[in-house]
C-alpha cells in the first residue's frame, strides 16, 4: 500500500537543501511544496533541479506545510527562524528542522513559542469548559441549561476579544483587582478539587498581571453580560 508523501517546505537553496529535497522527491519519501530564497531565480532553479515544488521569493508567500527544512547558512539561521515564527504564527503546528552540523535545536526556540501559543489559544479551551461544566453540575445547575449558558458566555467572550483585544476584554475579579474575591474562590475550589484550585490560582495570577499592564484605552466597552 502506497501512503501519500508528507509535504515539505524548503527555505534556502544551497547544495545540501537541494540534494536532500531531490533525493526525498525521487524516493517519494516527501512531496516538495514551496521553495523559498531571497533570490527568486535561485528558487526557480532549485525547483527545476528537484523536479517538484513551487518557487517563491519571500517567506510571506509560503503556504503552510507539516514539515519545514531550513537549509540556510549558520549565520542566518536565528533570523530565519524568528522570521518564520512570525510569518507562520497562525498556521497549524509543524515540524521544523535545520541542516547545520554546528548549531543545535536551540536556534529554533522562537518556533517552539509560536506553537505553544496555539496550545494556549485553542487546546486549553476544551479543558476549561470541561472544568466549568463539572462545577456547574456540582453546584446544581441543570445539565439541560449548561449548553445554552456556555454558548452565551463563549460568544460574548469571543466578541469582546475580537473587538477589543484580550487585555481590554478581561473581566471578572482580576480585572477589578478584587484579590479578596479571588482568594475566597480559590479556597472553595481547593476544597472541591486541589488541582482545579491550583489552576484557578495560576490563571488568576496571570489575569492580575495582564490587568495591571498599562494599555491604551479601549475603543469600546465589553459586552454588558460579560461576568
N, C-alpha and C. Protein backbone atom coordinates (compact mmCIF):
# COMPACT_ATOMS: atom_id res chain seq x y z
N UNK A 1 0.85 -1.20 0.00
CA UNK A 1 0.00 0.00 0.00
C UNK A 1 0.88 1.24 0.00
N UNK A 2 0.69 2.15 -0.96
CA UNK A 2 1.48 3.36 -1.04
C UNK A 2 0.77 4.48 -0.29
N UNK A 3 1.42 4.96 0.78
CA UNK A 3 0.86 6.05 1.55
C UNK A 3 1.26 7.38 0.92
N UNK A 4 0.41 8.42 0.98
CA UNK A 4 0.76 9.72 0.42
C UNK A 4 1.95 10.32 1.15
N UNK A 5 2.85 10.92 0.39
CA UNK A 5 4.04 11.52 0.98
C UNK A 5 3.67 12.78 1.76
N UNK A 6 4.40 13.02 2.85
CA UNK A 6 4.20 14.25 3.59
C UNK A 6 4.77 15.43 2.81
N UNK A 7 4.22 16.61 3.06
CA UNK A 7 4.62 17.80 2.33
C UNK A 7 5.74 18.52 3.06
N UNK A 8 6.73 18.97 2.29
CA UNK A 8 7.90 19.65 2.84
C UNK A 8 8.06 21.02 2.20
N UNK A 9 8.31 22.03 3.02
CA UNK A 9 8.72 23.34 2.55
C UNK A 9 10.22 23.49 2.75
N UNK A 10 10.88 24.11 1.79
CA UNK A 10 12.33 24.28 1.84
C UNK A 10 12.66 25.77 1.85
N UNK A 11 13.44 26.19 2.84
CA UNK A 11 13.95 27.56 2.89
C UNK A 11 15.46 27.50 2.72
N UNK A 12 15.94 28.14 1.66
CA UNK A 12 17.37 28.09 1.33
C UNK A 12 17.61 27.13 0.19
N UNK A 13 18.46 27.53 -0.72
CA UNK A 13 18.68 26.71 -1.93
C UNK A 13 20.14 26.35 -2.11
N UNK A 14 20.81 26.06 -1.02
CA UNK A 14 22.18 25.59 -1.11
C UNK A 14 22.23 24.14 -1.56
N UNK A 15 23.44 23.61 -1.67
CA UNK A 15 23.60 22.25 -2.18
C UNK A 15 22.94 21.21 -1.27
N UNK A 16 23.11 21.39 0.05
CA UNK A 16 22.55 20.41 0.98
C UNK A 16 21.03 20.34 0.86
N UNK A 17 20.39 21.50 0.88
CA UNK A 17 18.93 21.53 0.79
C UNK A 17 18.41 20.97 -0.51
N UNK A 18 19.05 21.35 -1.61
CA UNK A 18 18.60 20.86 -2.91
C UNK A 18 18.81 19.36 -3.05
N UNK A 19 19.96 18.88 -2.56
CA UNK A 19 20.26 17.45 -2.68
C UNK A 19 19.27 16.61 -1.88
N UNK A 20 19.02 17.01 -0.63
CA UNK A 20 18.07 16.26 0.19
C UNK A 20 16.66 16.30 -0.41
N UNK A 21 16.25 17.48 -0.85
CA UNK A 21 14.91 17.60 -1.44
C UNK A 21 14.78 16.73 -2.69
N UNK A 22 15.83 16.70 -3.48
CA UNK A 22 15.79 15.89 -4.71
C UNK A 22 15.72 14.40 -4.39
N UNK A 23 16.53 13.96 -3.42
CA UNK A 23 16.53 12.54 -3.05
C UNK A 23 15.17 12.13 -2.48
N UNK A 24 14.63 12.94 -1.59
CA UNK A 24 13.34 12.61 -0.99
C UNK A 24 12.23 12.60 -2.03
N UNK A 25 12.32 13.52 -2.99
CA UNK A 25 11.31 13.56 -4.05
C UNK A 25 11.42 12.34 -4.95
N UNK A 26 12.65 11.99 -5.33
CA UNK A 26 12.85 10.83 -6.20
C UNK A 26 12.38 9.54 -5.54
N UNK A 27 12.61 9.43 -4.23
CA UNK A 27 12.21 8.23 -3.49
C UNK A 27 10.75 8.28 -3.04
N UNK A 28 10.09 9.40 -3.35
CA UNK A 28 8.70 9.63 -2.96
C UNK A 28 8.51 9.54 -1.44
N UNK A 29 9.58 9.92 -0.75
CA UNK A 29 9.51 9.97 0.71
C UNK A 29 8.75 11.20 1.17
N UNK A 30 9.03 12.33 0.50
CA UNK A 30 8.37 13.59 0.80
C UNK A 30 7.96 14.26 -0.51
N UNK A 31 6.93 15.09 -0.42
CA UNK A 31 6.49 15.87 -1.58
C UNK A 31 6.89 17.32 -1.36
N UNK A 32 7.74 17.85 -2.23
CA UNK A 32 8.20 19.23 -2.08
C UNK A 32 7.06 20.20 -2.40
N UNK A 33 6.86 21.15 -1.51
CA UNK A 33 5.73 22.09 -1.62
C UNK A 33 6.24 23.45 -2.12
N UNK A 34 6.71 24.30 -1.23
CA UNK A 34 7.25 25.61 -1.60
C UNK A 34 8.75 25.66 -1.35
N UNK A 35 9.45 26.37 -2.22
CA UNK A 35 10.89 26.58 -2.09
C UNK A 35 11.13 28.08 -2.05
N UNK A 36 11.83 28.54 -1.02
CA UNK A 36 12.00 29.98 -0.84
C UNK A 36 13.46 30.35 -0.64
N UNK A 37 13.88 31.39 -1.32
CA UNK A 37 15.15 32.06 -1.07
C UNK A 37 14.97 33.51 -1.46
N UNK A 38 15.91 34.35 -1.03
CA UNK A 38 15.75 35.79 -1.28
C UNK A 38 15.83 36.13 -2.76
N UNK A 39 16.45 35.27 -3.54
CA UNK A 39 16.53 35.48 -5.00
C UNK A 39 15.60 34.48 -5.67
N UNK A 40 14.53 34.97 -6.26
CA UNK A 40 13.51 34.10 -6.85
C UNK A 40 14.09 33.20 -7.93
N UNK A 41 15.05 33.72 -8.70
CA UNK A 41 15.62 32.91 -9.77
C UNK A 41 16.33 31.68 -9.23
N UNK A 42 16.93 31.80 -8.04
CA UNK A 42 17.59 30.64 -7.43
C UNK A 42 16.55 29.62 -6.95
N UNK A 43 15.46 30.11 -6.43
CA UNK A 43 14.39 29.19 -6.02
C UNK A 43 13.82 28.46 -7.23
N UNK A 44 13.68 29.18 -8.34
CA UNK A 44 13.18 28.56 -9.57
C UNK A 44 14.16 27.51 -10.09
N UNK A 45 15.46 27.80 -9.98
CA UNK A 45 16.47 26.84 -10.41
C UNK A 45 16.44 25.59 -9.54
N UNK A 46 16.22 25.78 -8.23
CA UNK A 46 16.14 24.63 -7.32
C UNK A 46 14.93 23.76 -7.64
N UNK A 47 13.81 24.39 -7.94
CA UNK A 47 12.60 23.65 -8.32
C UNK A 47 12.84 22.85 -9.59
N UNK A 48 13.55 23.45 -10.54
CA UNK A 48 13.86 22.75 -11.79
C UNK A 48 14.77 21.56 -11.53
N UNK A 49 15.75 21.73 -10.64
CA UNK A 49 16.68 20.64 -10.34
C UNK A 49 15.97 19.50 -9.63
N UNK A 50 15.16 19.83 -8.64
CA UNK A 50 14.46 18.80 -7.87
C UNK A 50 13.37 18.14 -8.71
N UNK A 51 12.75 18.92 -9.57
CA UNK A 51 11.66 18.39 -10.38
C UNK A 51 10.32 18.46 -9.69
N UNK A 52 10.23 19.33 -8.70
CA UNK A 52 8.97 19.48 -7.95
C UNK A 52 9.03 20.78 -7.17
N UNK A 53 7.89 21.19 -6.65
CA UNK A 53 7.84 22.37 -5.79
C UNK A 53 7.41 23.62 -6.51
N UNK A 54 7.19 24.66 -5.72
CA UNK A 54 6.77 25.97 -6.23
C UNK A 54 7.73 27.02 -5.68
N UNK A 55 8.35 27.79 -6.55
CA UNK A 55 9.35 28.78 -6.15
C UNK A 55 8.69 30.07 -5.68
N UNK A 56 9.16 30.60 -4.55
CA UNK A 56 8.70 31.90 -4.04
C UNK A 56 9.92 32.70 -3.59
N UNK A 57 9.75 34.01 -3.53
CA UNK A 57 10.87 34.88 -3.19
C UNK A 57 10.83 35.46 -1.79
N UNK A 58 9.81 35.12 -1.00
CA UNK A 58 9.72 35.65 0.36
C UNK A 58 8.92 34.70 1.24
N UNK A 59 9.21 34.74 2.54
CA UNK A 59 8.56 33.83 3.48
C UNK A 59 7.05 34.03 3.51
N UNK A 60 6.61 35.27 3.35
CA UNK A 60 5.18 35.56 3.43
C UNK A 60 4.38 34.84 2.36
N UNK A 61 5.04 34.46 1.27
CA UNK A 61 4.34 33.79 0.17
C UNK A 61 4.27 32.28 0.35
N UNK A 62 4.94 31.75 1.37
CA UNK A 62 4.95 30.30 1.57
C UNK A 62 3.66 29.82 2.23
N UNK A 63 3.17 28.69 1.74
CA UNK A 63 1.96 28.10 2.28
C UNK A 63 2.30 27.18 3.46
N UNK A 64 1.34 26.93 4.35
CA UNK A 64 1.61 26.03 5.48
C UNK A 64 1.99 24.63 4.99
N UNK A 65 2.79 23.94 5.77
CA UNK A 65 3.19 22.56 5.48
C UNK A 65 3.52 21.89 6.80
N UNK A 66 3.40 20.57 6.87
CA UNK A 66 3.71 19.87 8.13
C UNK A 66 5.20 19.77 8.42
N UNK A 67 6.04 19.92 7.37
CA UNK A 67 7.49 19.82 7.53
C UNK A 67 8.17 21.02 6.90
N UNK A 68 9.18 21.56 7.59
CA UNK A 68 9.96 22.68 7.07
C UNK A 68 11.45 22.37 7.25
N UNK A 69 12.22 22.54 6.18
CA UNK A 69 13.66 22.37 6.26
C UNK A 69 14.34 23.72 6.04
N UNK A 70 15.18 24.12 7.00
CA UNK A 70 15.93 25.36 6.89
C UNK A 70 17.34 25.01 6.44
N UNK A 71 17.61 25.23 5.17
CA UNK A 71 18.92 24.91 4.61
C UNK A 71 19.63 26.21 4.25
N UNK A 72 19.85 27.04 5.27
CA UNK A 72 20.48 28.35 5.07
C UNK A 72 21.82 28.36 5.81
N UNK A 73 22.71 29.31 5.51
CA UNK A 73 23.98 29.40 6.25
C UNK A 73 23.75 29.56 7.75
N UNK A 74 24.69 29.04 8.55
CA UNK A 74 24.54 29.07 10.00
C UNK A 74 24.25 30.47 10.54
N UNK A 75 24.93 31.47 9.98
CA UNK A 75 24.76 32.84 10.48
C UNK A 75 23.35 33.36 10.26
N UNK A 76 22.63 32.79 9.31
CA UNK A 76 21.28 33.26 9.00
C UNK A 76 20.19 32.49 9.75
N UNK A 77 20.54 31.38 10.37
CA UNK A 77 19.52 30.53 11.00
C UNK A 77 18.69 31.25 12.07
N UNK A 78 19.32 31.98 13.00
CA UNK A 78 18.50 32.65 14.02
C UNK A 78 17.47 33.61 13.44
N UNK A 79 17.90 34.44 12.49
CA UNK A 79 16.98 35.42 11.92
C UNK A 79 15.90 34.75 11.07
N UNK A 80 16.26 33.68 10.36
CA UNK A 80 15.27 32.97 9.55
C UNK A 80 14.24 32.28 10.45
N UNK A 81 14.70 31.67 11.54
CA UNK A 81 13.78 31.02 12.47
C UNK A 81 12.82 32.04 13.08
N UNK A 82 13.34 33.21 13.44
CA UNK A 82 12.49 34.25 14.00
C UNK A 82 11.47 34.75 12.99
N UNK A 83 11.92 34.96 11.75
CA UNK A 83 11.02 35.43 10.70
C UNK A 83 9.95 34.39 10.38
N UNK A 84 10.35 33.12 10.35
CA UNK A 84 9.38 32.05 10.08
C UNK A 84 8.35 31.96 11.19
N UNK A 85 8.80 32.09 12.43
CA UNK A 85 7.86 32.06 13.55
C UNK A 85 6.83 33.17 13.43
N UNK A 86 7.26 34.34 12.99
CA UNK A 86 6.33 35.45 12.84
C UNK A 86 5.35 35.22 11.69
N UNK A 87 5.86 34.75 10.57
CA UNK A 87 5.01 34.57 9.39
C UNK A 87 4.02 33.43 9.57
N UNK A 88 4.41 32.39 10.30
CA UNK A 88 3.57 31.19 10.43
C UNK A 88 2.86 31.13 11.77
N UNK A 89 2.71 32.27 12.45
CA UNK A 89 2.14 32.25 13.80
C UNK A 89 0.69 31.78 13.83
N UNK A 90 -0.02 31.89 12.71
CA UNK A 90 -1.42 31.45 12.68
C UNK A 90 -1.58 30.09 12.00
N UNK A 91 -0.49 29.49 11.55
CA UNK A 91 -0.55 28.22 10.83
C UNK A 91 -0.61 27.05 11.82
N UNK A 92 -1.07 25.88 11.35
CA UNK A 92 -1.07 24.71 12.23
C UNK A 92 0.35 24.34 12.64
N UNK A 93 0.53 23.71 13.81
CA UNK A 93 1.87 23.30 14.24
C UNK A 93 2.55 22.42 13.20
N UNK A 94 3.87 22.57 13.10
CA UNK A 94 4.64 21.83 12.11
C UNK A 94 5.98 21.41 12.72
N UNK A 95 6.65 20.48 12.04
CA UNK A 95 7.98 20.06 12.43
C UNK A 95 8.99 20.85 11.62
N UNK A 96 9.88 21.58 12.30
CA UNK A 96 10.89 22.40 11.63
C UNK A 96 12.27 21.87 12.01
N UNK A 97 13.14 21.68 11.02
CA UNK A 97 14.50 21.21 11.29
C UNK A 97 15.48 21.96 10.40
N UNK A 98 16.74 21.99 10.82
CA UNK A 98 17.76 22.67 10.02
C UNK A 98 18.88 21.69 9.67
N UNK A 99 19.76 22.14 8.80
CA UNK A 99 20.81 21.26 8.27
C UNK A 99 22.19 21.60 8.81
N UNK A 100 22.27 22.43 9.84
CA UNK A 100 23.56 22.83 10.38
C UNK A 100 24.15 21.73 11.25
N UNK A 101 25.42 21.45 11.06
CA UNK A 101 26.11 20.49 11.91
C UNK A 101 26.74 21.15 13.11
N UNK A 102 26.76 22.49 13.15
CA UNK A 102 27.41 23.22 14.23
C UNK A 102 26.43 23.77 15.26
N UNK A 103 25.16 23.94 14.88
CA UNK A 103 24.16 24.52 15.77
C UNK A 103 23.15 23.46 16.21
N UNK A 104 22.68 23.58 17.45
CA UNK A 104 21.68 22.63 17.94
C UNK A 104 20.28 23.19 17.70
N UNK A 105 19.29 22.54 18.28
CA UNK A 105 17.91 22.95 18.04
C UNK A 105 17.52 24.21 18.81
N UNK A 106 18.40 24.69 19.69
CA UNK A 106 18.09 25.91 20.44
C UNK A 106 17.82 27.09 19.52
N UNK A 107 18.45 27.07 18.35
CA UNK A 107 18.27 28.17 17.40
C UNK A 107 16.83 28.26 16.91
N UNK A 108 16.07 27.18 17.05
CA UNK A 108 14.67 27.15 16.60
C UNK A 108 13.70 27.48 17.73
N UNK A 109 14.20 27.96 18.86
CA UNK A 109 13.36 28.25 20.02
C UNK A 109 12.19 29.19 19.72
N UNK A 110 12.35 30.22 18.87
CA UNK A 110 11.19 31.09 18.57
C UNK A 110 10.00 30.32 18.02
N UNK A 111 10.26 29.25 17.28
CA UNK A 111 9.17 28.46 16.70
C UNK A 111 8.43 27.66 17.77
N UNK A 112 9.16 27.22 18.79
CA UNK A 112 8.51 26.49 19.87
C UNK A 112 7.50 27.39 20.59
N UNK A 113 7.90 28.64 20.82
CA UNK A 113 7.00 29.56 21.49
C UNK A 113 5.74 29.81 20.68
N UNK A 114 5.88 29.89 19.36
CA UNK A 114 4.73 30.12 18.50
C UNK A 114 3.73 28.98 18.61
N UNK A 115 4.21 27.74 18.60
CA UNK A 115 3.31 26.60 18.66
C UNK A 115 2.71 26.43 20.06
N UNK A 116 3.47 26.84 21.09
CA UNK A 116 2.90 26.83 22.44
C UNK A 116 1.78 27.85 22.54
N UNK A 117 1.92 28.96 21.81
CA UNK A 117 0.85 29.97 21.80
C UNK A 117 -0.43 29.39 21.24
N UNK A 118 -0.31 28.55 20.23
CA UNK A 118 -1.51 27.92 19.65
C UNK A 118 -2.19 27.00 20.65
N UNK A 119 -1.40 26.35 21.51
CA UNK A 119 -1.98 25.50 22.54
C UNK A 119 -2.80 26.34 23.51
N UNK A 120 -2.23 27.49 23.92
CA UNK A 120 -2.97 28.38 24.82
C UNK A 120 -4.23 28.92 24.14
N UNK A 121 -4.14 29.23 22.85
CA UNK A 121 -5.26 29.85 22.16
C UNK A 121 -6.42 28.89 21.93
N UNK A 122 -6.13 27.60 21.74
CA UNK A 122 -7.20 26.67 21.36
C UNK A 122 -7.28 25.41 22.21
N UNK A 123 -6.15 24.77 22.46
CA UNK A 123 -6.18 23.44 23.09
C UNK A 123 -6.67 23.46 24.53
N UNK A 124 -6.41 24.57 25.25
CA UNK A 124 -6.84 24.62 26.65
C UNK A 124 -8.31 24.98 26.80
N UNK A 125 -8.92 25.50 25.74
CA UNK A 125 -10.33 25.90 25.85
C UNK A 125 -11.24 24.73 26.20
N UNK A 126 -11.13 23.56 25.56
CA UNK A 126 -11.98 22.43 25.96
C UNK A 126 -11.74 21.99 27.40
N UNK A 127 -10.49 22.12 27.86
CA UNK A 127 -10.18 21.76 29.25
C UNK A 127 -10.93 22.68 30.21
N UNK A 128 -10.86 23.98 29.95
CA UNK A 128 -11.52 24.95 30.81
C UNK A 128 -13.04 24.77 30.79
N UNK A 129 -13.58 24.45 29.61
CA UNK A 129 -15.03 24.26 29.52
C UNK A 129 -15.47 22.99 30.25
N UNK A 130 -14.64 21.97 30.25
CA UNK A 130 -14.95 20.75 31.00
C UNK A 130 -14.98 21.03 32.49
N UNK A 131 -13.98 21.79 32.97
CA UNK A 131 -13.95 22.15 34.39
C UNK A 131 -15.18 22.98 34.75
N UNK A 132 -15.53 23.95 33.89
CA UNK A 132 -16.70 24.79 34.15
C UNK A 132 -17.97 23.95 34.22
N UNK A 133 -18.11 23.00 33.30
CA UNK A 133 -19.30 22.14 33.29
C UNK A 133 -19.39 21.32 34.57
N UNK A 134 -18.26 20.77 34.99
CA UNK A 134 -18.26 19.98 36.23
C UNK A 134 -18.66 20.84 37.43
N UNK A 135 -18.18 22.08 37.46
CA UNK A 135 -18.51 22.97 38.56
C UNK A 135 -19.99 23.36 38.54
N UNK A 136 -20.51 23.62 37.36
CA UNK A 136 -21.94 23.93 37.26
C UNK A 136 -22.79 22.77 37.77
N UNK A 137 -22.44 21.57 37.32
CA UNK A 137 -23.21 20.39 37.73
C UNK A 137 -23.13 20.17 39.24
N UNK A 138 -21.93 20.32 39.79
CA UNK A 138 -21.77 20.11 41.22
C UNK A 138 -22.48 21.18 42.04
N UNK A 139 -22.75 22.34 41.39
CA UNK A 139 -23.46 23.42 42.08
C UNK A 139 -24.97 23.33 41.90
N UNK A 140 -25.44 22.32 41.17
CA UNK A 140 -26.86 22.11 41.00
C UNK A 140 -27.48 22.72 39.76
N UNK A 141 -26.66 23.24 38.85
CA UNK A 141 -27.20 23.78 37.60
C UNK A 141 -27.68 22.61 36.74
N UNK A 142 -28.93 22.63 36.26
CA UNK A 142 -29.42 21.52 35.43
C UNK A 142 -28.59 21.35 34.16
N UNK A 143 -28.30 20.11 33.84
CA UNK A 143 -27.49 19.84 32.65
C UNK A 143 -28.12 20.44 31.39
N UNK A 144 -29.45 20.47 31.33
CA UNK A 144 -30.13 20.97 30.14
C UNK A 144 -29.85 22.45 29.90
N UNK A 145 -29.47 23.17 30.94
CA UNK A 145 -29.22 24.61 30.80
C UNK A 145 -27.77 24.94 30.46
N UNK A 146 -26.89 23.98 30.65
CA UNK A 146 -25.46 24.27 30.56
C UNK A 146 -25.03 24.63 29.14
N UNK A 147 -25.54 23.92 28.14
CA UNK A 147 -25.12 24.19 26.76
C UNK A 147 -25.44 25.63 26.36
N UNK A 148 -26.63 26.10 26.69
CA UNK A 148 -27.00 27.46 26.35
C UNK A 148 -26.20 28.48 27.13
N UNK A 149 -25.95 28.21 28.40
CA UNK A 149 -25.16 29.10 29.23
C UNK A 149 -23.74 29.22 28.70
N UNK A 150 -23.15 28.07 28.37
CA UNK A 150 -21.79 28.07 27.83
C UNK A 150 -21.73 28.83 26.51
N UNK A 151 -22.69 28.57 25.62
CA UNK A 151 -22.68 29.23 24.31
C UNK A 151 -22.76 30.74 24.46
N UNK A 152 -23.60 31.21 25.36
CA UNK A 152 -23.75 32.65 25.56
C UNK A 152 -22.47 33.28 26.08
N UNK A 153 -21.86 32.66 27.08
CA UNK A 153 -20.62 33.19 27.65
C UNK A 153 -19.49 33.18 26.63
N UNK A 154 -19.37 32.09 25.87
CA UNK A 154 -18.30 32.00 24.88
C UNK A 154 -18.49 33.02 23.77
N UNK A 155 -19.72 33.19 23.30
CA UNK A 155 -19.97 34.18 22.24
C UNK A 155 -19.60 35.59 22.71
N UNK A 156 -19.99 35.93 23.93
CA UNK A 156 -19.67 37.25 24.46
C UNK A 156 -18.16 37.44 24.60
N UNK A 157 -17.48 36.39 25.10
CA UNK A 157 -16.04 36.48 25.29
C UNK A 157 -15.31 36.64 23.96
N UNK A 158 -15.68 35.81 22.98
CA UNK A 158 -15.03 35.88 21.67
C UNK A 158 -15.30 37.23 21.01
N UNK A 159 -16.53 37.72 21.13
CA UNK A 159 -16.87 39.02 20.55
C UNK A 159 -16.03 40.13 21.17
N UNK A 160 -15.89 40.13 22.49
CA UNK A 160 -15.09 41.15 23.16
C UNK A 160 -13.61 41.05 22.79
N UNK A 161 -13.09 39.83 22.71
CA UNK A 161 -11.68 39.65 22.38
C UNK A 161 -11.38 40.12 20.96
N UNK A 162 -12.25 39.77 20.01
CA UNK A 162 -12.01 40.16 18.62
C UNK A 162 -12.20 41.66 18.42
N UNK A 163 -13.11 42.28 19.18
CA UNK A 163 -13.35 43.72 19.02
C UNK A 163 -12.33 44.56 19.78
N UNK A 164 -11.97 44.12 20.98
CA UNK A 164 -11.18 44.95 21.87
C UNK A 164 -9.74 44.50 22.05
N UNK A 165 -9.48 43.21 21.77
CA UNK A 165 -8.20 42.63 22.13
C UNK A 165 -8.33 41.96 23.48
N UNK A 166 -7.47 40.97 23.78
CA UNK A 166 -7.63 40.18 25.00
C UNK A 166 -7.50 40.97 26.29
N UNK A 167 -6.60 41.95 26.33
CA UNK A 167 -6.41 42.69 27.58
C UNK A 167 -7.63 43.53 27.92
N UNK A 168 -8.13 44.27 26.95
CA UNK A 168 -9.30 45.12 27.20
C UNK A 168 -10.56 44.30 27.43
N UNK A 169 -10.57 43.07 26.95
CA UNK A 169 -11.76 42.21 27.11
C UNK A 169 -11.78 41.49 28.45
N UNK A 170 -10.72 41.62 29.23
CA UNK A 170 -10.64 40.92 30.51
C UNK A 170 -11.72 41.42 31.47
N UNK A 171 -12.45 40.50 32.08
CA UNK A 171 -13.49 40.83 33.06
C UNK A 171 -13.29 39.97 34.30
N UNK A 172 -14.16 40.12 35.27
CA UNK A 172 -14.09 39.30 36.47
C UNK A 172 -13.28 39.95 37.57
N UNK A 173 -13.07 39.24 38.67
CA UNK A 173 -12.39 39.83 39.84
C UNK A 173 -10.97 40.31 39.55
N UNK A 174 -10.24 39.62 38.68
CA UNK A 174 -8.88 40.05 38.37
C UNK A 174 -8.89 41.40 37.66
N UNK A 175 -9.82 41.59 36.75
CA UNK A 175 -9.92 42.86 36.03
C UNK A 175 -10.24 44.00 36.99
N UNK A 176 -10.99 43.69 38.05
CA UNK A 176 -11.35 44.71 39.04
C UNK A 176 -10.30 44.86 40.13
N UNK A 177 -9.31 43.96 40.14
CA UNK A 177 -8.31 43.97 41.20
C UNK A 177 -8.85 43.46 42.52
N UNK A 178 -9.89 42.65 42.48
CA UNK A 178 -10.54 42.15 43.69
C UNK A 178 -9.85 40.88 44.16
N UNK A 179 -8.71 41.04 44.82
CA UNK A 179 -7.93 39.88 45.25
C UNK A 179 -8.65 39.10 46.36
N UNK A 180 -9.49 39.79 47.14
CA UNK A 180 -10.23 39.09 48.20
C UNK A 180 -11.19 38.07 47.61
N UNK A 181 -11.88 38.46 46.53
CA UNK A 181 -12.79 37.52 45.86
C UNK A 181 -12.02 36.35 45.26
N UNK A 182 -10.86 36.65 44.68
CA UNK A 182 -10.03 35.58 44.11
C UNK A 182 -9.62 34.59 45.19
N UNK A 183 -9.23 35.10 46.36
CA UNK A 183 -8.81 34.22 47.45
C UNK A 183 -9.96 33.34 47.92
N UNK A 184 -11.15 33.92 48.06
CA UNK A 184 -12.32 33.13 48.50
C UNK A 184 -12.65 32.03 47.49
N UNK A 185 -12.65 32.38 46.21
CA UNK A 185 -12.97 31.39 45.19
C UNK A 185 -11.90 30.30 45.12
N UNK A 186 -10.64 30.70 45.28
CA UNK A 186 -9.56 29.71 45.25
C UNK A 186 -9.69 28.72 46.40
N UNK A 187 -10.03 29.21 47.58
CA UNK A 187 -10.20 28.32 48.73
C UNK A 187 -11.34 27.33 48.50
N UNK A 188 -12.44 27.82 47.94
CA UNK A 188 -13.57 26.93 47.66
C UNK A 188 -13.19 25.87 46.63
N UNK A 189 -12.43 26.26 45.63
CA UNK A 189 -12.04 25.32 44.58
C UNK A 189 -11.02 24.31 45.09
N UNK A 190 -10.14 24.71 45.99
CA UNK A 190 -9.19 23.75 46.58
C UNK A 190 -9.94 22.68 47.36
N UNK A 191 -11.03 23.06 48.01
CA UNK A 191 -11.85 22.08 48.72
C UNK A 191 -12.53 21.13 47.74
N UNK A 192 -12.98 21.69 46.62
CA UNK A 192 -13.66 20.88 45.59
C UNK A 192 -12.68 19.93 44.91
N UNK A 193 -11.53 20.48 44.47
CA UNK A 193 -10.52 19.69 43.76
C UNK A 193 -9.21 20.48 43.82
N UNK A 194 -8.19 19.99 44.55
CA UNK A 194 -6.95 20.74 44.69
C UNK A 194 -6.30 21.13 43.36
N UNK A 195 -6.38 20.25 42.37
CA UNK A 195 -5.78 20.57 41.07
C UNK A 195 -6.52 21.72 40.39
N UNK A 196 -7.83 21.72 40.47
CA UNK A 196 -8.62 22.82 39.90
C UNK A 196 -8.33 24.11 40.66
N UNK A 197 -8.20 24.02 41.99
CA UNK A 197 -7.87 25.20 42.77
C UNK A 197 -6.52 25.78 42.40
N UNK A 198 -5.53 24.91 42.19
CA UNK A 198 -4.20 25.38 41.79
C UNK A 198 -4.24 26.03 40.41
N UNK A 199 -5.02 25.44 39.49
CA UNK A 199 -5.15 26.03 38.15
C UNK A 199 -5.82 27.40 38.23
N UNK A 200 -6.84 27.53 39.07
CA UNK A 200 -7.52 28.81 39.24
C UNK A 200 -6.55 29.87 39.76
N UNK A 201 -5.74 29.51 40.74
CA UNK A 201 -4.77 30.47 41.30
C UNK A 201 -3.75 30.89 40.25
N UNK A 202 -3.25 29.93 39.47
CA UNK A 202 -2.25 30.25 38.44
C UNK A 202 -2.84 31.16 37.37
N UNK A 203 -4.04 30.85 36.90
CA UNK A 203 -4.68 31.67 35.87
C UNK A 203 -5.06 33.04 36.41
N UNK A 204 -5.47 33.10 37.67
CA UNK A 204 -5.82 34.39 38.27
C UNK A 204 -4.58 35.27 38.41
N UNK A 205 -3.44 34.67 38.73
CA UNK A 205 -2.20 35.44 38.82
C UNK A 205 -1.84 36.04 37.46
N UNK A 206 -2.01 35.25 36.39
CA UNK A 206 -1.77 35.78 35.04
C UNK A 206 -2.77 36.89 34.71
N UNK A 207 -4.03 36.69 35.09
CA UNK A 207 -5.05 37.70 34.81
C UNK A 207 -4.75 39.01 35.54
N UNK A 208 -4.29 38.93 36.79
CA UNK A 208 -3.93 40.13 37.54
C UNK A 208 -2.76 40.85 36.88
N UNK A 209 -1.79 40.08 36.39
CA UNK A 209 -0.64 40.69 35.71
C UNK A 209 -1.08 41.39 34.43
N UNK A 210 -1.96 40.74 33.67
CA UNK A 210 -2.47 41.35 32.43
C UNK A 210 -3.24 42.63 32.75
N UNK A 211 -4.09 42.57 33.78
CA UNK A 211 -4.90 43.74 34.14
C UNK A 211 -4.03 44.91 34.59
N UNK A 212 -2.88 44.60 35.19
CA UNK A 212 -2.00 45.66 35.70
C UNK A 212 -1.08 46.23 34.64
N UNK A 213 -1.03 45.61 33.46
CA UNK A 213 -0.16 46.09 32.39
C UNK A 213 -0.76 47.33 31.74
N UNK A 214 -0.01 48.43 31.64
CA UNK A 214 -0.55 49.64 31.01
C UNK A 214 -0.97 49.37 29.57
N UNK A 215 -2.11 49.92 29.20
CA UNK A 215 -2.62 49.74 27.84
C UNK A 215 -3.38 50.98 27.43
N UNK A 216 -3.55 51.15 26.12
CA UNK A 216 -4.33 52.27 25.62
C UNK A 216 -5.80 52.06 25.96
N UNK A 217 -6.55 53.13 26.21
CA UNK A 217 -7.99 52.98 26.50
C UNK A 217 -8.69 52.28 25.36
N UNK A 218 -9.59 51.33 25.64
CA UNK A 218 -10.29 50.60 24.58
C UNK A 218 -11.23 51.51 23.82
N UNK A 219 -11.46 51.17 22.55
CA UNK A 219 -12.36 51.96 21.71
C UNK A 219 -13.81 51.67 22.04
N UNK A 220 -14.07 50.52 22.66
CA UNK A 220 -15.44 50.15 23.00
C UNK A 220 -15.43 49.46 24.35
N UNK A 221 -16.60 49.32 24.96
CA UNK A 221 -16.71 48.68 26.26
C UNK A 221 -17.06 47.20 26.09
N UNK A 222 -16.64 46.34 27.06
CA UNK A 222 -17.00 44.93 26.97
C UNK A 222 -18.51 44.74 26.96
N UNK A 223 -18.92 43.60 26.44
CA UNK A 223 -20.34 43.28 26.38
C UNK A 223 -20.94 43.33 27.78
N UNK A 224 -22.09 43.96 27.96
CA UNK A 224 -22.64 44.14 29.31
C UNK A 224 -22.97 42.86 30.04
N UNK A 225 -23.12 41.74 29.34
CA UNK A 225 -23.45 40.47 30.02
C UNK A 225 -22.22 39.68 30.40
N UNK A 226 -21.02 40.22 30.11
CA UNK A 226 -19.79 39.50 30.48
C UNK A 226 -19.68 39.47 31.99
N UNK A 227 -19.19 38.36 32.56
CA UNK A 227 -19.11 38.23 34.02
C UNK A 227 -18.02 39.11 34.61
